Amino acid sequence: MFVVSLTYKVPDEIVDFHRPGHMAWLKDAFDAGVFLASGRRVPAIGGVLLSNADKLTLDESLSKDPFYSNGVADFEIIEFTATSVADGYENLLDS
């Protein structure tokens, strides 16, 4: 499983300019099953994505994000193995 942390590296006006493209890309990635959850960081300095896709699929998807291709944000990818989950989230366990 992967946690992807995005940190904006440009002024808010540039982030806002690219946000519609980012949101369209994100919808397509959710539809393709790449991501399980996403949201804004607090404070709003970037975002977080949760993925259970394989690394190649994740990398290919991220490369299409307008925030990535236009240099809007830095991306940190953290891989981890889910070994314990709350009831109802067993689908997140690594097999």
Protein backbone atom coordinates (compact mmCIF):
# COMPACT_ATOMS: atom_id res chain seq x y z
CA MET A 1 0.00 0.00 0.00
CA PHE A 2 1.16 3.53 -0.65
CA VAL A 3 0.63 6.93 0.93
CA VAL A 4 1.42 9.75 -1.47
CA SER A 5 2.03 13.13 0.14
CA LEU A 6 1.87 16.19 -2.12
CA THR A 7 3.42 19.47 -1.01
CA TYR A 8 2.72 22.58 -3.08
CA LYS A 9 5.86 24.38 -4.25
CA VAL A 10 4.25 27.26 -6.14
CA PRO A 11 1.96 30.16 -5.13
CA ASP A 12 -1.73 29.42 -4.48
CA GLU A 13 -2.78 31.13 -7.74
CA ILE A 14 -0.82 28.56 -9.76
CA VAL A 15 -2.20 25.68 -7.67
CA ASP A 16 -5.72 27.00 -8.27
CA PHE A 17 -5.07 27.31 -12.02
CA HIS A 18 -4.11 23.62 -12.26
CA ARG A 19 -6.71 22.33 -9.75
CA PRO A 20 -9.49 21.58 -12.31
CA GLY A 21 -7.11 19.39 -14.32
CA HIS A 22 -5.88 17.71 -11.14
CA MET A 23 -9.45 16.97 -10.04
CA ALA A 24 -10.35 15.52 -13.47
CA TRP A 25 -7.20 13.34 -13.35
CA LEU A 26 -8.08 12.26 -9.80
CA LYS A 27 -11.60 11.23 -10.82
CA ASP A 28 -10.20 9.13 -13.66
CA ALA A 29 -7.66 7.53 -11.29
CA PHE A 30 -10.41 6.67 -8.78
CA ASP A 31 -12.52 5.22 -11.60
CA ALA A 32 -9.53 3.08 -12.62
CA GLY A 33 -9.13 1.80 -9.06
CA VAL A 34 -5.75 3.45 -8.44
CA PHE A 35 -6.76 5.30 -5.26
CA LEU A 36 -8.75 4.39 -2.15
CA ALA A 37 -8.89 7.87 -0.58
CA SER A 38 -7.67 11.41 -1.13
CA GLY A 39 -7.87 14.75 0.58
CA ARG A 40 -6.27 18.08 1.39
CA ARG A 41 -3.59 18.40 3.99
CA VAL A 42 -4.33 20.60 7.02
CA PRO A 43 -3.19 23.30 6.75
CA ALA A 44 -3.78 23.41 2.98
CA ILE A 45 -0.16 22.97 1.89
CA GLY A 46 -0.83 19.97 -0.35
CA GLY A 47 -2.74 16.72 -0.39
CA VAL A 48 -2.62 13.03 0.51
CA LEU A 49 -3.51 10.02 -1.64
CA LEU A 50 -3.94 6.42 -0.45
CA SER A 51 -3.35 3.68 -3.03
CA ASN A 52 -3.41 -0.09 -3.03
CA ALA A 53 -2.28 -0.31 -6.68
CA ASP A 54 1.04 -1.84 -7.67
CA LYS A 55 4.00 0.57 -7.87
CA LEU A 56 4.15 0.63 -11.67
CA THR A 57 0.45 1.50 -11.96
CA LEU A 58 0.79 4.17 -9.27
CA ASP A 59 3.85 5.74 -10.94
CA GLU A 60 2.17 5.76 -14.35
CA SER A 61 -0.92 7.40 -12.90
CA LEU A 62 1.01 10.03 -10.93
CA SER A 63 2.98 11.00 -14.04
CA LYS A 64 -0.32 12.10 -15.62
CA ASP A 65 -1.34 14.37 -12.73
CA PRO A 66 -1.20 18.04 -13.85
CA PHE A 67 0.23 18.89 -10.42
CA TYR A 68 3.15 16.58 -11.27
CA SER A 69 3.62 17.37 -14.96
CA ASN A 70 3.46 21.13 -14.35
CA GLY A 71 5.75 21.16 -11.31
CA VAL A 72 3.01 22.35 -8.95
CA ALA A 73 3.86 19.96 -6.10
CA ASP A 74 6.56 17.71 -4.77
CA PHE A 75 5.46 14.09 -4.40
CA GLU A 76 6.64 11.80 -1.60
CA ILE A 77 5.65 8.14 -1.96
CA ILE A 78 5.66 6.06 1.22
CA GLU A 79 5.17 2.32 0.88
CA PHE A 80 3.93 0.33 3.85
CA THR A 81 2.47 -3.05 4.65
CA ALA A 82 -0.95 -2.92 6.30
CA THR A 83 -0.88 -5.63 8.97
CA SER A 84 -3.65 -4.36 11.27
CA VAL A 85 -6.90 -2.60 10.40
CA ALA A 86 -10.15 -1.60 12.10
CA ASP A 87 -13.23 -3.81 11.65
CA GLY A 88 -14.69 -3.31 8.20
CA TYR A 89 -11.36 -2.40 6.57
CA GLU A 90 -10.01 -5.90 6.05
CA ASN A 91 -9.78 -5.21 2.30
CA LEU A 92 -6.79 -2.98 3.09
CA LEU A 93 -4.71 -5.81 4.57
CA ASP A 94 -1.74 -6.87 2.49
CA SER A 95 -1.99 -10.52 1.56
